[in-house]
Structure formats: structure tokens, C-alpha cells
Amino acid sequence: MNTLTNADLHCHSVVSDGTLTPEALAQRAQANGVELWSLTDHDELGGQDRAMAAARAVGMRYLTGVEISVTFLGITVHIVGLGMDHNNPALLTGLRATRGGREQRARDMSDDLARVGIKGVYEGALKYVGNPELISRSHFARYMVEIGVSKDTNDVFRKYITEGKPGFVPHRWAKLADAVGWITQSGGVAVIAHPGRYKLTPNEEFALFTEFKSHGGQGVEVMTGAHNQADYVKYAGYCQKFGLAASRGSDFHSPEESHTDLGKLPDLPGSVTPVWELLQSRIH
């Protein structure tokens, strides 16, 4: 495979906070020309066997995937794992512990929203949730659009459920060392997801990449739905600076909500090593 391969190694299904099934995502990816695909649900591997079978059915190559929530310097950072053994006991145990606090956090968010007159959001959001252990802000946002609080989910995030706004409740996720360890010890490659989203200072970002590399992290998303042209250039440079491979993934959640469709990102630049070159033996 080369840098022109249409790989999409970051998206979400109904198993976490997407709106399509793994099977529908596979069909959409294949229709959009994706050759190598990964489903990376949040803190959950329950969709992997379905995604792998669906990819095989439409003639796509597949890498197992997950997106793990991490607390770093007091903010939430996401680490994508690719090509790991999705039945690894330590990985499964770690993800179960990471999911554990989501339900209580969601109830606290709902209580906070009720204080500003938006009642019953936890119960309403459940209709969008496949697994209550994985209830998230995206599910809250969809329900709040349904009841007319905001015109779309982006507006919900601007006005509510983000830091400093009603409905925001912080959560302590996994440690960076733990997330990278679970991925690498189960045979996978750890990747920093959409680093341009985190709004870190230069020193904080240097600390993130340095610590990530020290724990065995090997990749960074260069091409992703949250990045612009300047980010593409910046993080391709970080690949060189930190000796990391480059990943490419839309972070697709929903046809109605996502700005970037599966398989529709620009190609990786020729100056970087594609992360899938590290994972040839793990491709299904």
C-alpha cells in the first residue's frame, strides 16, 4: 500500500455515538472508494466482529479499532488504537473501567440542564443510545435538537455541555500511559486523534507528544475531519519531528452531523509514513 490508498481509520457506529450500524458504515465507506477501513467506537469493541464481517462482505480490507478517552493536563484527549487484538483481556478490562463513569456523568449533566429549565434530557437521550454505558454528549445533543432547544447539534455544543456552559460535567478518563499500554500490549498501534482540536499551548502540545512517544505511541492523525489545511501541514511536520507515522480518518458519526464523509479526506502527503505500513500483518 502507498500514500494514495484511500484509508479511513476513524469513525463511529451506533455501538458508541454514531447513528449508523457497522454494516451501513461499511457499505457507505466502500461506496465512497475506501480501500482500508477501521471502526473506532469510543471505549468499546463490541462492534468489531460485525465491522470486520461487513468489510469482508463488500471487499474492503479492515483494521480493528477503538478510540480511548484520556485525561491529560485536565482536558479530554482521544487516542485511537489500530490493529490490536480486540479480544485481549487487559484491553477489555481497561475499556470497561473507562466506560464506568459515563452513566453517572450523564445523570449529573441532566441535573445541571434541569437547573436552567431543560428537563428530562437524560431520559430523552436514552432513545439515541445503543448501550447506556456509552451515553455521551452527542446523544444529549441529538435529543436537545429534537425538542427544539437548538437548531442543530453543533449549536447545542456551542451553548451547552461544553466547559463553562450549562450541562458540562468533567469526567476523569484513563491515563495516557494506560491507554497507550492497552493498545500496544494487545498488538496494536496507538495514534493521537485530531490533535488540532485540543487548543493546547505549544508547551502543552509538546508535552503531550513527548509523553505519548515515551509510552510507545507511534502515530498521529494528520488528515481528519477536524483539521484544516494549516493543521495538515503542521502535523505532517510533527510526524518528522517526533518520528511518528501518519493516520487518516474522517471521524464520521452521522450523515446529518458530520462535515467530512467517509473516504473524502485529502491524501496523506508523500513526506510521511502511513500508519498502515506499520500494520501490514494486522490487516484483515
C-alpha atoms as a PDB file:
ATOM      1  CA  MET A   1       0.000   0.000   0.000  1.00  0.00           C
ATOM      2  CA  ASN A   2       1.140   3.561  -0.605  1.00  0.00           C
ATOM      3  CA  THR A   3       0.206   7.062   0.484  1.00  0.00           C
ATOM      4  CA  LEU A   4      -2.549   7.218  -2.157  1.00  0.00           C
ATOM      5  CA  THR A   5      -4.518   4.413  -0.521  1.00  0.00           C
ATOM      6  CA  ASN A   6      -7.983   5.631   0.457  1.00  0.00           C
ATOM      7  CA  ALA A   7      -7.837   4.602   4.106  1.00  0.00           C
ATOM      8  CA  ASP A   8     -10.422   5.809   6.629  1.00  0.00           C
ATOM      9  CA  LEU A   9      -9.279   4.766  10.083  1.00  0.00           C
ATOM     10  CA  HIS A  10     -11.583   6.763  12.363  1.00  0.00           C
ATOM     11  CA  CYS A  11     -15.387   6.598  12.502  1.00  0.00           C
ATOM     12  CA  HIS A  12     -18.213   5.710  14.886  1.00  0.00           C
ATOM     13  CA  SER A  13     -21.276   3.465  14.797  1.00  0.00           C
ATOM     14  CA  VAL A  14     -24.404   3.057  16.901  1.00  0.00           C
ATOM     15  CA  VAL A  15     -22.284   0.948  19.251  1.00  0.00           C
ATOM     16  CA  SER A  16     -20.953   4.259  20.636  1.00  0.00           C
ATOM     17  CA  ASP A  17     -22.175   7.686  19.446  1.00  0.00           C
ATOM     18  CA  GLY A  18     -22.665   7.281  15.696  1.00  0.00           C
ATOM     19  CA  THR A  19     -26.051   6.933  14.007  1.00  0.00           C
ATOM     20  CA  LEU A  20     -25.301   4.132  11.512  1.00  0.00           C
ATOM     21  CA  THR A  21     -24.754   0.430  12.114  1.00  0.00           C
ATOM     22  CA  PRO A  22     -21.330  -1.096  11.435  1.00  0.00           C
ATOM     23  CA  GLU A  23     -22.853  -2.733   8.348  1.00  0.00           C
ATOM     24  CA  ALA A  24     -24.216   0.552   6.974  1.00  0.00           C
ATOM     25  CA  LEU A  25     -20.866   2.259   7.613  1.00  0.00           C
ATOM     26  CA  ALA A  26     -19.030  -0.463   5.710  1.00  0.00           C
ATOM     27  CA  GLN A  27     -21.356  -0.062   2.743  1.00  0.00           C
ATOM     28  CA  ARG A  28     -21.009   3.730   2.803  1.00  0.00           C
ATOM     29  CA  ALA A  29     -17.225   3.531   3.061  1.00  0.00           C
ATOM     30  CA  GLN A  30     -16.980   1.079   0.156  1.00  0.00           C
ATOM     31  CA  ALA A  31     -19.312   3.219  -1.967  1.00  0.00           C
ATOM     32  CA  ASN A  32     -17.031   6.209  -1.297  1.00  0.00           C
ATOM     33  CA  GLY A  33     -13.973   4.331  -2.504  1.00  0.00           C
ATOM     34  CA  VAL A  34     -12.446   3.380   0.854  1.00  0.00           C
ATOM     35  CA  GLU A  35      -9.973   0.512   0.472  1.00  0.00           C
ATOM     36  CA  LEU A  36      -8.825   0.150   4.096  1.00  0.00           C
ATOM     37  CA  TRP A  37     -11.305   0.858   6.892  1.00  0.00           C
ATOM     38  CA  SER A  38     -11.477   0.840  10.679  1.00  0.00           C
ATOM     39  CA  LEU A  39     -14.415   1.284  13.049  1.00  0.00           C
ATOM     40  CA  THR A  40     -13.170   3.145  16.147  1.00  0.00           C
ATOM     41  CA  ASP A  41     -16.070   3.350  18.590  1.00  0.00           C
ATOM     42  CA  HIS A  42     -15.487   5.211  21.855  1.00  0.00           C
ATOM     43  CA  ASP A  43     -14.085   2.994  24.618  1.00  0.00           C
ATOM     44  CA  GLU A  44     -15.886  -0.038  23.182  1.00  0.00           C
ATOM     45  CA  LEU A  45     -15.010  -3.028  20.996  1.00  0.00           C
ATOM     46  CA  GLY A  46     -18.495  -4.510  20.694  1.00  0.00           C
ATOM     47  CA  GLY A  47     -18.860  -3.631  17.025  1.00  0.00           C
ATOM     48  CA  GLN A  48     -15.580  -5.094  15.804  1.00  0.00           C
ATOM     49  CA  ASP A  49     -16.701  -8.535  14.675  1.00  0.00           C
ATOM     50  CA  ARG A  50     -19.667  -7.020  12.815  1.00  0.00           C
ATOM     51  CA  ALA A  51     -17.477  -4.378  11.179  1.00  0.00           C
ATOM     52  CA  MET A  52     -14.867  -6.932  10.133  1.00  0.00           C
ATOM     53  CA  ALA A  53     -17.501  -9.209   8.594  1.00  0.00           C
ATOM     54  CA  ALA A  54     -19.206  -6.272   6.863  1.00  0.00           C
ATOM     55  CA  ALA A  55     -15.898  -5.048   5.411  1.00  0.00           C
ATOM     56  CA  ARG A  56     -15.139  -8.526   4.095  1.00  0.00           C
ATOM     57  CA  ALA A  57     -18.618  -8.733   2.537  1.00  0.00           C
ATOM     58  CA  VAL A  58     -18.047  -5.573   0.458  1.00  0.00           C
ATOM     59  CA  GLY A  59     -14.433  -6.321  -0.431  1.00  0.00           C
ATOM     60  CA  MET A  60     -12.659  -3.833   1.868  1.00  0.00           C
ATOM     61  CA  ARG A  61      -9.581  -4.500   3.932  1.00  0.00           C
ATOM     62  CA  TYR A  62     -10.070  -3.942   7.659  1.00  0.00           C
ATOM     63  CA  LEU A  63      -8.102  -2.948  10.776  1.00  0.00           C
ATOM     64  CA  THR A  64      -9.589  -3.375  14.229  1.00  0.00           C
ATOM     65  CA  GLY A  65     -10.010  -0.050  16.001  1.00  0.00           C
ATOM     66  CA  VAL A  66     -11.047   1.853  19.115  1.00  0.00           C
ATOM     67  CA  GLU A  67     -10.947   5.446  20.360  1.00  0.00           C
ATOM     68  CA  ILE A  68      -9.992   5.726  24.035  1.00  0.00           C
ATOM     69  CA  SER A  69     -10.832   8.767  26.162  1.00  0.00           C
ATOM     70  CA  VAL A  70      -7.847  10.062  28.140  1.00  0.00           C
ATOM     71  CA  THR A  71      -7.459  12.856  30.686  1.00  0.00           C
ATOM     72  CA  PHE A  72      -4.281  14.850  30.008  1.00  0.00           C
ATOM     73  CA  LEU A  73      -3.485  18.164  31.712  1.00  0.00           C
ATOM     74  CA  GLY A  74      -7.096  18.335  32.854  1.00  0.00           C
ATOM     75  CA  ILE A  75      -8.657  18.038  29.395  1.00  0.00           C
ATOM     76  CA  THR A  76     -10.018  15.114  27.385  1.00  0.00           C
ATOM     77  CA  VAL A  77      -7.708  13.798  24.679  1.00  0.00           C
ATOM     78  CA  HIS A  78      -8.541  10.862  22.413  1.00  0.00           C
ATOM     79  CA  ILE A  79      -6.161   8.052  21.491  1.00  0.00           C
ATOM     80  CA  VAL A  80      -7.079   5.805  18.593  1.00  0.00           C
ATOM     81  CA  GLY A  81      -5.903   2.195  18.672  1.00  0.00           C
ATOM     82  CA  LEU A  82      -5.490   0.337  15.383  1.00  0.00           C
ATOM     83  CA  GLY A  83      -4.790  -3.321  14.630  1.00  0.00           C
ATOM     84  CA  MET A  84      -5.000  -4.597  18.185  1.00  0.00           C
ATOM     85  CA  ASP A  85      -6.399  -7.952  19.336  1.00  0.00           C
ATOM     86  CA  HIS A  86      -9.950  -6.891  20.160  1.00  0.00           C
ATOM     87  CA  ASN A  87     -10.365  -9.885  22.481  1.00  0.00           C
ATOM     88  CA  ASN A  88      -7.323  -9.025  24.626  1.00  0.00           C
ATOM     89  CA  PRO A  89      -8.398  -9.338  28.304  1.00  0.00           C
ATOM     90  CA  ALA A  90      -6.348  -6.391  29.613  1.00  0.00           C
ATOM     91  CA  LEU A  91      -7.678  -4.118  26.869  1.00  0.00           C
ATOM     92  CA  LEU A  92     -11.271  -5.181  27.507  1.00  0.00           C
ATOM     93  CA  THR A  93     -10.891  -4.682  31.269  1.00  0.00           C
ATOM     94  CA  GLY A  94      -9.349  -1.240  30.816  1.00  0.00           C
ATOM     95  CA  LEU A  95     -12.097  -0.085  28.482  1.00  0.00           C
ATOM     96  CA  ARG A  96     -14.779  -1.372  30.837  1.00  0.00           C
ATOM     97  CA  ALA A  97     -13.277   0.718  33.649  1.00  0.00           C
ATOM     98  CA  THR A  98     -13.090   3.774  31.395  1.00  0.00           C
ATOM     99  CA  ARG A  99     -16.763   3.453  30.431  1.00  0.00           C
ATOM    100  CA  GLY A 100     -17.793   3.059  34.042  1.00  0.00           C
ATOM    101  CA  GLY A 101     -18.300   6.712  34.899  1.00  0.00           C
ATOM    102  CA  ARG A 102     -20.331   7.715  31.849  1.00  0.00           C
ATOM    103  CA  GLU A 103     -23.784   6.974  33.238  1.00  0.00           C
ATOM    104  CA  GLN A 104     -23.338   8.979  36.436  1.00  0.00           C
ATOM    105  CA  ARG A 105     -21.762  11.824  34.473  1.00  0.00           C
ATOM    106  CA  ALA A 106     -24.800  11.824  32.161  1.00  0.00           C
ATOM    107  CA  ARG A 107     -27.210  11.981  35.100  1.00  0.00           C
ATOM    108  CA  ASP A 108     -25.250  14.908  36.559  1.00  0.00           C
ATOM    109  CA  MET A 109     -25.323  16.685  33.182  1.00  0.00           C
ATOM    110  CA  SER A 110     -29.086  16.234  33.029  1.00  0.00           C
ATOM    111  CA  ASP A 111     -29.492  17.654  36.543  1.00  0.00           C
ATOM    112  CA  ASP A 112     -27.415  20.679  35.566  1.00  0.00           C
ATOM    113  CA  LEU A 113     -29.514  21.297  32.452  1.00  0.00           C
ATOM    114  CA  ALA A 114     -32.695  20.987  34.520  1.00  0.00           C
ATOM    115  CA  ARG A 115     -31.469  23.894  36.643  1.00  0.00           C
ATOM    116  CA  VAL A 116     -31.660  26.133  33.554  1.00  0.00           C
ATOM    117  CA  GLY A 117     -35.112  24.832  32.623  1.00  0.00           C
ATOM    118  CA  ILE A 118     -34.226  21.986  30.224  1.00  0.00           C
ATOM    119  CA  LYS A 119     -35.733  18.957  31.929  1.00  0.00           C
ATOM    120  CA  GLY A 120     -35.628  15.208  31.294  1.00  0.00           C
ATOM    121  CA  VAL A 121     -32.611  15.222  28.992  1.00  0.00           C
ATOM    122  CA  TYR A 122     -31.043  12.042  30.394  1.00  0.00           C
ATOM    123  CA  GLU A 123     -34.232  10.049  29.818  1.00  0.00           C
ATOM    124  CA  GLY A 124     -34.725  11.629  26.390  1.00  0.00           C
ATOM    125  CA  ALA A 125     -31.174  10.963  25.287  1.00  0.00           C
ATOM    126  CA  LEU A 126     -31.520   7.255  26.069  1.00  0.00           C
ATOM    127  CA  LYS A 127     -33.615   6.735  22.937  1.00  0.00           C
ATOM    128  CA  TYR A 128     -30.488   7.522  20.892  1.00  0.00           C
ATOM    129  CA  VAL A 129     -28.241   5.193  22.900  1.00  0.00           C
ATOM    130  CA  GLY A 130     -27.495   1.617  21.930  1.00  0.00           C
ATOM    131  CA  ASN A 131     -25.567   0.938  25.151  1.00  0.00           C
ATOM    132  CA  PRO A 132     -26.315   3.041  28.281  1.00  0.00           C
ATOM    133  CA  GLU A 133     -22.697   2.503  29.392  1.00  0.00           C
ATOM    134  CA  LEU A 134     -21.697   4.648  26.413  1.00  0.00           C
ATOM    135  CA  ILE A 135     -24.150   7.535  26.776  1.00  0.00           C
ATOM    136  CA  SER A 136     -22.369  10.678  25.619  1.00  0.00           C
ATOM    137  CA  ARG A 137     -22.760  14.375  24.946  1.00  0.00           C
ATOM    138  CA  SER A 138     -23.641  13.569  21.325  1.00  0.00           C
ATOM    139  CA  HIS A 139     -26.735  11.680  22.488  1.00  0.00           C
ATOM    140  CA  PHE A 140     -27.717  14.650  24.668  1.00  0.00           C
ATOM    141  CA  ALA A 141     -27.231  16.992  21.707  1.00  0.00           C
ATOM    142  CA  ARG A 142     -29.472  14.919  19.411  1.00  0.00           C
ATOM    143  CA  TYR A 143     -32.300  14.926  21.944  1.00  0.00           C
ATOM    144  CA  MET A 144     -31.914  18.669  22.576  1.00  0.00           C
ATOM    145  CA  VAL A 145     -32.272  19.300  18.833  1.00  0.00           C
ATOM    146  CA  GLU A 146     -35.356  17.042  18.793  1.00  0.00           C
ATOM    147  CA  ILE A 147     -37.088  19.096  21.493  1.00  0.00           C
ATOM    148  CA  GLY A 148     -36.154  22.405  19.862  1.00  0.00           C
ATOM    149  CA  VAL A 149     -33.549  23.685  22.304  1.00  0.00           C
ATOM    150  CA  SER A 150     -31.150  24.280  19.387  1.00  0.00           C
ATOM    151  CA  LYS A 151     -31.285  24.091  15.604  1.00  0.00           C
ATOM    152  CA  ASP A 152     -28.503  21.518  15.256  1.00  0.00           C
ATOM    153  CA  THR A 153     -26.051  19.527  17.361  1.00  0.00           C
ATOM    154  CA  ASN A 154     -23.195  21.964  16.774  1.00  0.00           C
ATOM    155  CA  ASP A 155     -25.353  24.725  18.262  1.00  0.00           C
ATOM    156  CA  VAL A 156     -26.016  22.554  21.330  1.00  0.00           C
ATOM    157  CA  PHE A 157     -22.281  22.186  21.875  1.00  0.00           C
ATOM    158  CA  ARG A 158     -21.730  25.932  21.452  1.00  0.00           C
ATOM    159  CA  LYS A 159     -24.397  26.881  24.013  1.00  0.00           C
ATOM    160  CA  TYR A 160     -24.445  23.894  26.379  1.00  0.00           C
ATOM    161  CA  ILE A 161     -22.491  20.784  27.520  1.00  0.00           C
ATOM    162  CA  THR A 162     -19.041  22.297  26.934  1.00  0.00           C
ATOM    163  CA  GLU A 163     -16.783  23.769  29.594  1.00  0.00           C
ATOM    164  CA  GLY A 164     -18.245  26.891  31.173  1.00  0.00           C
ATOM    165  CA  LYS A 165     -21.759  26.208  29.810  1.00  0.00           C
ATOM    166  CA  PRO A 166     -24.843  24.623  31.431  1.00  0.00           C
ATOM    167  CA  GLY A 167     -24.736  20.844  31.334  1.00  0.00           C
ATOM    168  CA  PHE A 168     -20.960  20.453  31.314  1.00  0.00           C
ATOM    169  CA  VAL A 169     -19.655  17.920  33.826  1.00  0.00           C
ATOM    170  CA  PRO A 170     -15.961  16.965  33.704  1.00  0.00           C
ATOM    171  CA  HIS A 171     -15.000  13.324  33.809  1.00  0.00           C
ATOM    172  CA  ARG A 172     -11.737  11.663  34.722  1.00  0.00           C
ATOM    173  CA  TRP A 173     -10.859   9.252  31.931  1.00  0.00           C
ATOM    174  CA  ALA A 174      -7.962   6.819  31.514  1.00  0.00           C
ATOM    175  CA  LYS A 175      -4.355   7.923  31.893  1.00  0.00           C
ATOM    176  CA  LEU A 176      -2.352   8.409  28.706  1.00  0.00           C
ATOM    177  CA  ALA A 177       0.121   5.718  29.754  1.00  0.00           C
ATOM    178  CA  ASP A 178      -2.697   3.238  30.375  1.00  0.00           C
ATOM    179  CA  ALA A 179      -4.450   3.831  27.042  1.00  0.00           C
ATOM    180  CA  VAL A 180      -1.251   3.555  25.011  1.00  0.00           C
ATOM    181  CA  GLY A 181      -0.250   0.494  27.038  1.00  0.00           C
ATOM    182  CA  TRP A 182      -3.552  -1.328  26.463  1.00  0.00           C
ATOM    183  CA  ILE A 183      -3.256  -0.752  22.717  1.00  0.00           C
ATOM    184  CA  THR A 184       0.394  -1.683  22.269  1.00  0.00           C
ATOM    185  CA  GLN A 185       0.270  -4.687  24.597  1.00  0.00           C
ATOM    186  CA  SER A 186      -2.607  -6.086  22.539  1.00  0.00           C
ATOM    187  CA  GLY A 187      -0.572  -5.851  19.337  1.00  0.00           C
ATOM    188  CA  GLY A 188      -1.868  -2.521  18.033  1.00  0.00           C
ATOM    189  CA  VAL A 189      -0.549   0.931  17.213  1.00  0.00           C
ATOM    190  CA  ALA A 190      -1.592   3.967  19.274  1.00  0.00           C
ATOM    191  CA  VAL A 191      -2.420   7.194  17.413  1.00  0.00           C
ATOM    192  CA  ILE A 192      -3.163  10.695  18.763  1.00  0.00           C
ATOM    193  CA  ALA A 193      -6.596  11.564  17.357  1.00  0.00           C
ATOM    194  CA  HIS A 194      -7.305  15.013  15.817  1.00  0.00           C
ATOM    195  CA  PRO A 195      -4.634  16.942  17.813  1.00  0.00           C
ATOM    196  CA  GLY A 196      -5.732  20.241  16.279  1.00  0.00           C
ATOM    197  CA  ARG A 197      -8.965  20.090  18.299  1.00  0.00           C
ATOM    198  CA  TYR A 198      -7.406  20.321  21.724  1.00  0.00           C
ATOM    199  CA  LYS A 199      -6.374  24.006  21.776  1.00  0.00           C
ATOM    200  CA  LEU A 200      -3.236  23.219  23.749  1.00  0.00           C
ATOM    201  CA  THR A 201      -0.468  25.785  24.159  1.00  0.00           C
ATOM    202  CA  PRO A 202       2.755  24.962  22.276  1.00  0.00           C
ATOM    203  CA  ASN A 203       4.356  23.774  25.508  1.00  0.00           C
ATOM    204  CA  GLU A 204       1.355  21.619  26.419  1.00  0.00           C
ATOM    205  CA  GLU A 205       1.250  20.103  22.951  1.00  0.00           C
ATOM    206  CA  PHE A 206       4.969  19.341  23.093  1.00  0.00           C
ATOM    207  CA  ALA A 207       4.356  17.642  26.461  1.00  0.00           C
ATOM    208  CA  LEU A 208       1.510  15.542  25.001  1.00  0.00           C
ATOM    209  CA  PHE A 209       3.554  14.322  22.041  1.00  0.00           C
ATOM    210  CA  THR A 210       6.657  13.716  24.145  1.00  0.00           C
ATOM    211  CA  GLU A 211       4.827  11.703  26.796  1.00  0.00           C
ATOM    212  CA  PHE A 212       2.823   9.809  24.149  1.00  0.00           C
ATOM    213  CA  LYS A 213       6.031   8.800  22.361  1.00  0.00           C
ATOM    214  CA  SER A 214       7.702   7.799  25.640  1.00  0.00           C
ATOM    215  CA  HIS A 215       4.850   5.350  26.382  1.00  0.00           C
ATOM    216  CA  GLY A 216       5.185   3.672  22.978  1.00  0.00           C
ATOM    217  CA  GLY A 217       2.762   5.724  20.867  1.00  0.00           C
ATOM    218  CA  GLN A 218       3.568   5.518  17.169  1.00  0.00           C
ATOM    219  CA  GLY A 219       1.117   7.643  15.178  1.00  0.00           C
ATOM    220  CA  VAL A 220      -0.817  10.888  14.823  1.00  0.00           C
ATOM    221  CA  GLU A 221      -3.868  11.774  12.761  1.00  0.00           C
ATOM    222  CA  VAL A 222      -2.756  14.225  10.092  1.00  0.00           C
ATOM    223  CA  MET A 223      -5.788  14.071   7.812  1.00  0.00           C
ATOM    224  CA  THR A 224      -9.007  14.171   9.830  1.00  0.00           C
ATOM    225  CA  GLY A 225     -12.363  15.913   9.675  1.00  0.00           C
ATOM    226  CA  ALA A 226     -11.486  18.417  12.414  1.00  0.00           C
ATOM    227  CA  HIS A 227      -8.302  19.656  10.690  1.00  0.00           C
ATOM    228  CA  ASN A 228      -7.800  22.422   8.140  1.00  0.00           C
ATOM    229  CA  GLN A 229      -5.018  22.895   5.603  1.00  0.00           C
ATOM    230  CA  ALA A 230      -2.710  24.517   8.160  1.00  0.00           C
ATOM    231  CA  ASP A 231      -3.240  21.557  10.506  1.00  0.00           C
ATOM    232  CA  TYR A 232      -2.373  19.106   7.731  1.00  0.00           C
ATOM    233  CA  VAL A 233       0.960  20.839   7.239  1.00  0.00           C
ATOM    234  CA  LYS A 234       1.624  21.258  10.957  1.00  0.00           C
ATOM    235  CA  TYR A 235       1.017  17.645  11.951  1.00  0.00           C
ATOM    236  CA  ALA A 236       2.807  16.219   8.935  1.00  0.00           C
ATOM    237  CA  GLY A 237       5.741  18.186  10.326  1.00  0.00           C
ATOM    238  CA  TYR A 238       5.151  16.664  13.756  1.00  0.00           C
ATOM    239  CA  CYS A 239       5.491  13.224  12.167  1.00  0.00           C
ATOM    240  CA  GLN A 240       9.024  14.175  11.186  1.00  0.00           C
ATOM    241  CA  LYS A 241       9.772  15.946  14.469  1.00  0.00           C
ATOM    242  CA  PHE A 242       8.623  13.118  16.740  1.00  0.00           C
ATOM    243  CA  GLY A 243       9.256  10.134  14.467  1.00  0.00           C
ATOM    244  CA  LEU A 244       5.575   9.213  14.152  1.00  0.00           C
ATOM    245  CA  ALA A 245       3.558   7.599  11.387  1.00  0.00           C
ATOM    246  CA  ALA A 246       0.599   9.498   9.906  1.00  0.00           C
ATOM    247  CA  SER A 247      -3.026   8.385  10.034  1.00  0.00           C
ATOM    248  CA  ARG A 248      -6.064   9.416   8.017  1.00  0.00           C
ATOM    249  CA  GLY A 249      -9.646   9.231   9.298  1.00  0.00           C
ATOM    250  CA  SER A 250     -12.831  11.238   8.817  1.00  0.00           C
ATOM    251  CA  ASP A 251     -14.169  10.885  12.402  1.00  0.00           C
ATOM    252  CA  PHE A 252     -17.517  10.286  10.714  1.00  0.00           C
ATOM    253  CA  HIS A 253     -20.511   9.983  13.069  1.00  0.00           C
ATOM    254  CA  SER A 254     -23.620  10.672  11.011  1.00  0.00           C
ATOM    255  CA  PRO A 255     -24.743  11.705   7.508  1.00  0.00           C
ATOM    256  CA  GLU A 256     -26.654  14.604   9.089  1.00  0.00           C
ATOM    257  CA  GLU A 257     -23.977  15.810  11.513  1.00  0.00           C
ATOM    258  CA  SER A 258     -20.514  15.141  10.088  1.00  0.00           C
ATOM    259  CA  HIS A 259     -18.743  17.715   7.923  1.00  0.00           C
ATOM    260  CA  THR A 260     -16.473  15.094   6.336  1.00  0.00           C
ATOM    261  CA  ASP A 261     -17.832  11.907   4.817  1.00  0.00           C
ATOM    262  CA  LEU A 262     -16.105   8.542   4.935  1.00  0.00           C
ATOM    263  CA  GLY A 263     -13.212   8.368   2.472  1.00  0.00           C
ATOM    264  CA  LYS A 264     -13.419  12.021   1.401  1.00  0.00           C
ATOM    265  CA  LEU A 265     -10.261  13.432   3.006  1.00  0.00           C
ATOM    266  CA  PRO A 266      -7.216  14.566   1.019  1.00  0.00           C
ATOM    267  CA  ASP A 267      -4.449  12.006   0.577  1.00  0.00           C
ATOM    268  CA  LEU A 268      -1.605  11.916   3.064  1.00  0.00           C
ATOM    269  CA  PRO A 269       1.433  13.919   1.905  1.00  0.00           C
ATOM    270  CA  GLY A 270       4.315  11.934   0.440  1.00  0.00           C
ATOM    271  CA  SER A 271       6.666  13.119   3.192  1.00  0.00           C
ATOM    272  CA  VAL A 272       5.074  10.930   5.877  1.00  0.00           C
ATOM    273  CA  THR A 273       4.950   7.203   6.647  1.00  0.00           C
ATOM    274  CA  PRO A 274       1.325   5.981   6.546  1.00  0.00           C
ATOM    275  CA  VAL A 275       0.384   4.274   9.798  1.00  0.00           C
ATOM    276  CA  TRP A 276      -0.920   1.237   7.912  1.00  0.00           C
ATOM    277  CA  GLU A 277       2.626   0.456   6.799  1.00  0.00           C
ATOM    278  CA  LEU A 278       3.277  -0.449  10.451  1.00  0.00           C
ATOM    279  CA  LEU A 279       0.251  -2.738  10.474  1.00  0.00           C
ATOM    280  CA  GLN A 280       0.545  -4.880   7.356  1.00  0.00           C
ATOM    281  CA  SER A 281       0.358  -8.128   9.316  1.00  0.00           C
ATOM    282  CA  ARG A 282      -2.740  -6.931  11.219  1.00  0.00           C
ATOM    283  CA  ILE A 283      -4.916  -6.140   8.194  1.00  0.00           C
ATOM    284  CA  HIS A 284      -7.888  -8.458   7.677  1.00  0.00           C
END
